[in-house]
């Protein structure tokens, strides 16, 4: 993948980073990364976050395509969408490469002046 990303690629990644920008949602993603699919009750246990709040956060994550819920009997189990996380990582890698290139050009420019 090229170090350059089109503005539409970056724009499409914005909801992912907005969703991950909230500490509670980031915590939910981390919990889901470390386990099998979990119910809302399991995700809320051991935290100060209510099941209703967890549900709202999961819906934000689902809108960003970071998680998906599936019915299992009377409850819904939530799991990560690894493809979306990989795309977010590729976006960050491309931005990192752009910064590295810019810093390299700045270094070369400053050394040329000496």
N, C-alpha and C. Protein backbone atom coordinates (compact mmCIF):
# COMPACT_ATOMS: atom_id res chain seq x y z
N UNK A 1 0.83 -1.18 0.00
CA UNK A 1 0.00 0.00 0.00
C UNK A 1 0.87 1.24 0.00
N UNK A 2 0.46 2.21 -0.73
CA UNK A 2 1.20 3.45 -0.85
C UNK A 2 1.16 4.24 0.45
N UNK A 3 2.24 4.99 0.68
CA UNK A 3 2.28 5.83 1.87
C UNK A 3 1.26 6.96 1.76
N UNK A 4 0.89 7.31 0.56
CA UNK A 4 -0.09 8.37 0.35
C UNK A 4 -1.49 7.79 0.39
N UNK A 5 -2.35 8.41 1.12
CA UNK A 5 -3.74 7.98 1.19
C UNK A 5 -4.58 9.11 0.63
N UNK A 6 -5.59 8.76 -0.12
CA UNK A 6 -6.47 9.79 -0.65
C UNK A 6 -7.29 10.39 0.48
N UNK A 7 -7.78 11.58 0.26
CA UNK A 7 -8.58 12.23 1.31
C UNK A 7 -9.86 11.44 1.56
N UNK A 8 -10.39 10.74 0.56
CA UNK A 8 -11.59 9.94 0.79
C UNK A 8 -11.27 8.74 1.67
N UNK A 9 -10.07 8.14 1.52
CA UNK A 9 -9.67 7.04 2.40
C UNK A 9 -9.58 7.53 3.84
N UNK A 10 -8.97 8.69 4.03
CA UNK A 10 -8.84 9.23 5.38
C UNK A 10 -10.21 9.61 5.95
N UNK A 11 -11.07 10.18 5.11
CA UNK A 11 -12.41 10.55 5.55
C UNK A 11 -13.20 9.32 5.98
N UNK A 12 -13.04 8.21 5.25
CA UNK A 12 -13.78 7.00 5.61
C UNK A 12 -13.25 6.39 6.90
N UNK A 13 -12.03 6.70 7.28
CA UNK A 13 -11.46 6.19 8.53
C UNK A 13 -11.83 7.05 9.73
N UNK A 14 -12.30 8.26 9.50
CA UNK A 14 -12.60 9.18 10.59
C UNK A 14 -13.59 8.62 11.61
N UNK A 15 -14.68 7.96 11.20
CA UNK A 15 -15.60 7.42 12.21
C UNK A 15 -14.95 6.37 13.12
N UNK A 16 -14.02 5.63 12.58
CA UNK A 16 -13.32 4.61 13.38
C UNK A 16 -12.52 5.29 14.48
N UNK A 17 -11.75 6.32 14.10
CA UNK A 17 -10.92 6.99 15.10
C UNK A 17 -11.76 7.80 16.08
N UNK A 18 -12.88 8.34 15.61
CA UNK A 18 -13.80 9.05 16.51
C UNK A 18 -14.37 8.07 17.54
N UNK A 19 -14.76 6.89 17.08
CA UNK A 19 -15.32 5.89 17.99
C UNK A 19 -14.28 5.43 19.00
N UNK A 20 -13.04 5.27 18.55
CA UNK A 20 -11.97 4.82 19.45
C UNK A 20 -11.46 5.92 20.36
N UNK A 21 -11.84 7.15 20.10
CA UNK A 21 -11.37 8.28 20.89
C UNK A 21 -12.00 8.37 22.27
N UNK A 22 -13.03 7.61 22.52
CA UNK A 22 -13.68 7.61 23.83
C UNK A 22 -13.07 6.53 24.71
N UNK A 23 -12.67 6.86 25.92
CA UNK A 23 -12.01 5.87 26.79
C UNK A 23 -12.86 4.63 27.08
N UNK A 24 -14.16 4.80 27.25
CA UNK A 24 -15.02 3.65 27.52
C UNK A 24 -15.08 2.72 26.31
N UNK A 25 -15.23 3.30 25.13
CA UNK A 25 -15.28 2.47 23.92
C UNK A 25 -13.93 1.80 23.67
N UNK A 26 -12.86 2.51 23.92
CA UNK A 26 -11.54 1.91 23.75
C UNK A 26 -11.37 0.72 24.71
N UNK A 27 -11.87 0.88 25.93
CA UNK A 27 -11.82 -0.20 26.92
C UNK A 27 -12.65 -1.41 26.43
N UNK A 28 -13.82 -1.15 25.85
CA UNK A 28 -14.65 -2.24 25.34
C UNK A 28 -13.93 -2.98 24.21
N UNK A 29 -13.30 -2.24 23.33
CA UNK A 29 -12.55 -2.87 22.23
C UNK A 29 -11.41 -3.72 22.80
N UNK A 30 -10.71 -3.19 23.79
CA UNK A 30 -9.62 -3.95 24.41
C UNK A 30 -10.15 -5.24 25.05
N UNK A 31 -11.29 -5.16 25.71
CA UNK A 31 -11.88 -6.36 26.32
C UNK A 31 -12.24 -7.38 25.25
N UNK A 32 -12.80 -6.91 24.15
CA UNK A 32 -13.19 -7.83 23.07
C UNK A 32 -11.96 -8.40 22.36
N UNK A 33 -10.87 -7.64 22.32
CA UNK A 33 -9.63 -8.14 21.71
C UNK A 33 -9.07 -9.32 22.50
N UNK A 34 -9.28 -9.29 23.80
CA UNK A 34 -8.65 -10.27 24.68
C UNK A 34 -9.53 -11.48 24.96
N UNK A 35 -10.68 -11.60 24.28
CA UNK A 35 -11.56 -12.71 24.62
C UNK A 35 -12.43 -13.12 23.44
N UNK A 36 -13.23 -14.09 23.72
CA UNK A 36 -14.24 -14.52 22.76
C UNK A 36 -15.39 -13.51 22.81
N UNK A 37 -16.41 -13.67 21.96
CA UNK A 37 -17.55 -12.74 22.01
C UNK A 37 -18.15 -12.68 23.42
N UNK A 38 -18.55 -11.47 23.80
CA UNK A 38 -19.09 -11.24 25.14
C UNK A 38 -20.46 -10.58 25.08
N UNK A 39 -21.26 -10.84 26.09
CA UNK A 39 -22.57 -10.20 26.21
C UNK A 39 -22.39 -8.81 26.84
N UNK A 40 -23.44 -8.04 26.77
CA UNK A 40 -23.41 -6.70 27.39
C UNK A 40 -23.20 -6.84 28.90
N UNK A 41 -23.83 -7.82 29.51
CA UNK A 41 -23.65 -8.05 30.95
C UNK A 41 -22.20 -8.36 31.27
N UNK A 42 -21.57 -9.20 30.46
CA UNK A 42 -20.15 -9.53 30.68
C UNK A 42 -19.27 -8.30 30.47
N UNK A 43 -19.59 -7.50 29.47
CA UNK A 43 -18.77 -6.31 29.21
C UNK A 43 -18.92 -5.27 30.31
N UNK A 44 -20.09 -5.21 30.92
CA UNK A 44 -20.33 -4.22 31.98
C UNK A 44 -19.80 -4.69 33.33
N UNK A 45 -19.63 -6.00 33.51
CA UNK A 45 -19.22 -6.50 34.83
C UNK A 45 -17.81 -6.02 35.17
N UNK A 46 -17.66 -5.65 36.43
CA UNK A 46 -16.37 -5.18 36.91
C UNK A 46 -16.05 -3.74 36.55
N UNK A 47 -17.02 -3.03 35.99
CA UNK A 47 -16.82 -1.63 35.64
C UNK A 47 -17.89 -0.79 36.32
N UNK A 48 -17.75 0.50 36.25
CA UNK A 48 -18.77 1.41 36.77
C UNK A 48 -19.78 1.80 35.69
N UNK A 49 -19.66 1.20 34.53
CA UNK A 49 -20.51 1.53 33.39
C UNK A 49 -21.75 0.64 33.42
N UNK A 50 -22.92 1.25 33.27
CA UNK A 50 -24.16 0.48 33.27
C UNK A 50 -24.30 -0.30 31.97
N UNK A 51 -25.16 -1.31 32.01
CA UNK A 51 -25.42 -2.08 30.78
C UNK A 51 -26.02 -1.19 29.70
N UNK A 52 -26.86 -0.24 30.11
CA UNK A 52 -27.45 0.68 29.14
C UNK A 52 -26.37 1.53 28.47
N UNK A 53 -25.41 2.00 29.24
CA UNK A 53 -24.31 2.80 28.67
C UNK A 53 -23.44 1.93 27.77
N UNK A 54 -23.17 0.70 28.18
CA UNK A 54 -22.38 -0.22 27.35
C UNK A 54 -23.09 -0.43 26.02
N UNK A 55 -24.40 -0.61 26.07
CA UNK A 55 -25.18 -0.79 24.85
C UNK A 55 -25.02 0.40 23.92
N UNK A 56 -25.12 1.60 24.45
CA UNK A 56 -24.96 2.81 23.62
C UNK A 56 -23.57 2.87 23.01
N UNK A 57 -22.55 2.56 23.79
CA UNK A 57 -21.18 2.59 23.27
C UNK A 57 -20.97 1.51 22.20
N UNK A 58 -21.55 0.34 22.40
CA UNK A 58 -21.43 -0.72 21.40
C UNK A 58 -22.10 -0.33 20.09
N UNK A 59 -23.20 0.41 20.18
CA UNK A 59 -23.87 0.86 18.95
C UNK A 59 -23.00 1.86 18.18
N UNK A 60 -22.29 2.71 18.89
CA UNK A 60 -21.36 3.64 18.23
C UNK A 60 -20.25 2.85 17.55
N UNK A 61 -19.71 1.86 18.25
CA UNK A 61 -18.66 1.01 17.67
C UNK A 61 -19.19 0.23 16.47
N UNK A 62 -20.43 -0.21 16.55
CA UNK A 62 -21.03 -0.96 15.44
C UNK A 62 -21.24 -0.05 14.23
N UNK A 63 -21.64 1.21 14.46
CA UNK A 63 -21.80 2.15 13.35
C UNK A 63 -20.48 2.41 12.64
N UNK A 64 -19.39 2.32 13.38
CA UNK A 64 -18.05 2.49 12.80
C UNK A 64 -17.52 1.15 12.26
N UNK A 65 -18.35 0.12 12.33
CA UNK A 65 -18.00 -1.22 11.83
C UNK A 65 -16.83 -1.85 12.58
N UNK A 66 -16.65 -1.47 13.84
CA UNK A 66 -15.59 -2.05 14.66
C UNK A 66 -16.03 -3.31 15.39
N UNK A 67 -17.31 -3.41 15.69
CA UNK A 67 -17.85 -4.58 16.36
C UNK A 67 -19.13 -5.01 15.66
N UNK A 68 -19.52 -6.24 15.93
CA UNK A 68 -20.81 -6.72 15.43
C UNK A 68 -21.43 -7.59 16.51
N UNK A 69 -22.74 -7.53 16.59
CA UNK A 69 -23.47 -8.33 17.56
C UNK A 69 -24.25 -9.43 16.87
N UNK A 70 -24.29 -10.58 17.50
CA UNK A 70 -25.08 -11.70 16.99
C UNK A 70 -25.94 -12.25 18.12
N UNK A 71 -27.13 -12.68 17.76
CA UNK A 71 -28.05 -13.24 18.74
C UNK A 71 -27.61 -14.64 19.15
N UNK A 72 -27.66 -14.87 20.44
CA UNK A 72 -27.41 -16.20 20.99
C UNK A 72 -28.47 -16.42 22.08
N UNK A 73 -29.54 -17.08 21.70
CA UNK A 73 -30.64 -17.23 22.64
C UNK A 73 -31.30 -15.90 22.91
N UNK A 74 -31.38 -15.54 24.18
CA UNK A 74 -32.03 -14.28 24.57
C UNK A 74 -31.08 -13.10 24.62
N UNK A 75 -29.79 -13.35 24.45
CA UNK A 75 -28.84 -12.24 24.54
C UNK A 75 -28.10 -12.04 23.23
N UNK A 76 -27.44 -10.92 23.16
CA UNK A 76 -26.62 -10.59 22.00
C UNK A 76 -25.17 -10.66 22.43
N UNK A 77 -24.37 -11.36 21.63
CA UNK A 77 -22.93 -11.44 21.89
C UNK A 77 -22.21 -10.51 20.93
N UNK A 78 -21.23 -9.81 21.45
CA UNK A 78 -20.49 -8.82 20.67
C UNK A 78 -19.07 -9.29 20.43
N UNK A 79 -18.60 -9.06 19.21
CA UNK A 79 -17.23 -9.42 18.84
C UNK A 79 -16.65 -8.34 17.95
N UNK A 80 -15.33 -8.36 17.87
CA UNK A 80 -14.62 -7.38 17.04
C UNK A 80 -14.75 -7.70 15.57
N UNK A 81 -14.70 -6.65 14.77
CA UNK A 81 -14.57 -6.80 13.33
C UNK A 81 -13.10 -6.53 13.03
N UNK A 82 -12.32 -7.59 12.96
CA UNK A 82 -10.87 -7.46 12.78
C UNK A 82 -10.51 -6.74 11.49
N UNK A 83 -11.31 -6.89 10.44
CA UNK A 83 -11.01 -6.23 9.17
C UNK A 83 -10.98 -4.71 9.33
N UNK A 84 -11.92 -4.18 10.10
CA UNK A 84 -11.97 -2.72 10.30
C UNK A 84 -10.77 -2.25 11.12
N UNK A 85 -10.38 -3.04 12.11
CA UNK A 85 -9.20 -2.68 12.90
C UNK A 85 -7.93 -2.70 12.05
N UNK A 86 -7.84 -3.68 11.16
CA UNK A 86 -6.68 -3.74 10.27
C UNK A 86 -6.65 -2.55 9.32
N UNK A 87 -7.80 -2.13 8.84
CA UNK A 87 -7.85 -0.96 7.97
C UNK A 87 -7.43 0.30 8.73
N UNK A 88 -7.84 0.42 9.98
CA UNK A 88 -7.42 1.56 10.80
C UNK A 88 -5.92 1.54 11.00
N UNK A 89 -5.38 0.36 11.21
CA UNK A 89 -3.92 0.24 11.38
C UNK A 89 -3.19 0.64 10.10
N UNK A 90 -3.71 0.20 8.94
CA UNK A 90 -3.08 0.59 7.66
C UNK A 90 -3.12 2.10 7.48
N UNK A 91 -4.20 2.71 7.89
CA UNK A 91 -4.31 4.17 7.80
C UNK A 91 -3.25 4.84 8.67
N UNK A 92 -3.10 4.37 9.90
CA UNK A 92 -2.09 4.93 10.80
C UNK A 92 -0.68 4.68 10.28
N UNK A 93 -0.45 3.50 9.70
CA UNK A 93 0.86 3.21 9.13
C UNK A 93 1.19 4.16 7.98
N UNK A 94 0.19 4.45 7.14
CA UNK A 94 0.40 5.37 6.01
C UNK A 94 0.71 6.77 6.51
N UNK A 95 -0.01 7.21 7.53
CA UNK A 95 0.25 8.53 8.10
C UNK A 95 1.64 8.57 8.72
N UNK A 96 2.03 7.51 9.40
CA UNK A 96 3.35 7.43 10.00
C UNK A 96 4.45 7.51 8.93
N UNK A 97 4.24 6.83 7.82
CA UNK A 97 5.22 6.88 6.73
C UNK A 97 5.32 8.30 6.16
N UNK A 98 4.19 8.98 6.07
CA UNK A 98 4.21 10.36 5.58
C UNK A 98 5.00 11.26 6.52
N UNK A 99 4.80 11.08 7.83
CA UNK A 99 5.54 11.86 8.81
C UNK A 99 7.03 11.55 8.74
N UNK A 100 7.38 10.28 8.61
CA UNK A 100 8.78 9.89 8.50
C UNK A 100 9.43 10.55 7.28
N UNK A 101 8.70 10.54 6.17
CA UNK A 101 9.23 11.15 4.95
C UNK A 101 9.39 12.66 5.13
N UNK A 102 8.42 13.31 5.75
CA UNK A 102 8.50 14.76 5.98
C UNK A 102 9.66 15.10 6.91
N UNK A 103 9.83 14.32 7.96
CA UNK A 103 10.95 14.57 8.88
C UNK A 103 12.29 14.31 8.19
N UNK A 104 12.34 13.31 7.33
CA UNK A 104 13.56 13.05 6.56
C UNK A 104 13.91 14.21 5.65
N UNK A 105 12.90 14.78 5.00
CA UNK A 105 13.14 15.94 4.13
C UNK A 105 13.60 17.15 4.95
N UNK A 106 13.01 17.35 6.12
CA UNK A 106 13.41 18.45 6.99
C UNK A 106 14.85 18.26 7.44
N UNK A 107 15.21 17.06 7.84
CA UNK A 107 16.58 16.78 8.27
C UNK A 107 17.57 17.05 7.14
N UNK A 108 17.25 16.58 5.95
CA UNK A 108 18.13 16.78 4.79
C UNK A 108 18.28 18.28 4.49
N UNK A 109 17.19 19.00 4.60
CA UNK A 109 17.23 20.43 4.34
C UNK A 109 18.11 21.16 5.36
N UNK A 110 17.96 20.80 6.63
CA UNK A 110 18.76 21.43 7.68
C UNK A 110 20.24 21.07 7.56
N UNK A 111 20.52 19.83 7.20
CA UNK A 111 21.92 19.44 7.04
C UNK A 111 22.55 20.11 5.82
N UNK A 112 21.75 20.36 4.80
CA UNK A 112 22.26 21.03 3.59
C UNK A 112 22.63 22.48 3.88
N UNK A 113 21.95 23.09 4.84
CA UNK A 113 22.22 24.49 5.21
C UNK A 113 23.52 24.62 6.01
N UNK A 114 23.95 23.56 6.66
CA UNK A 114 25.14 23.63 7.53
C UNK A 114 26.39 23.74 6.75
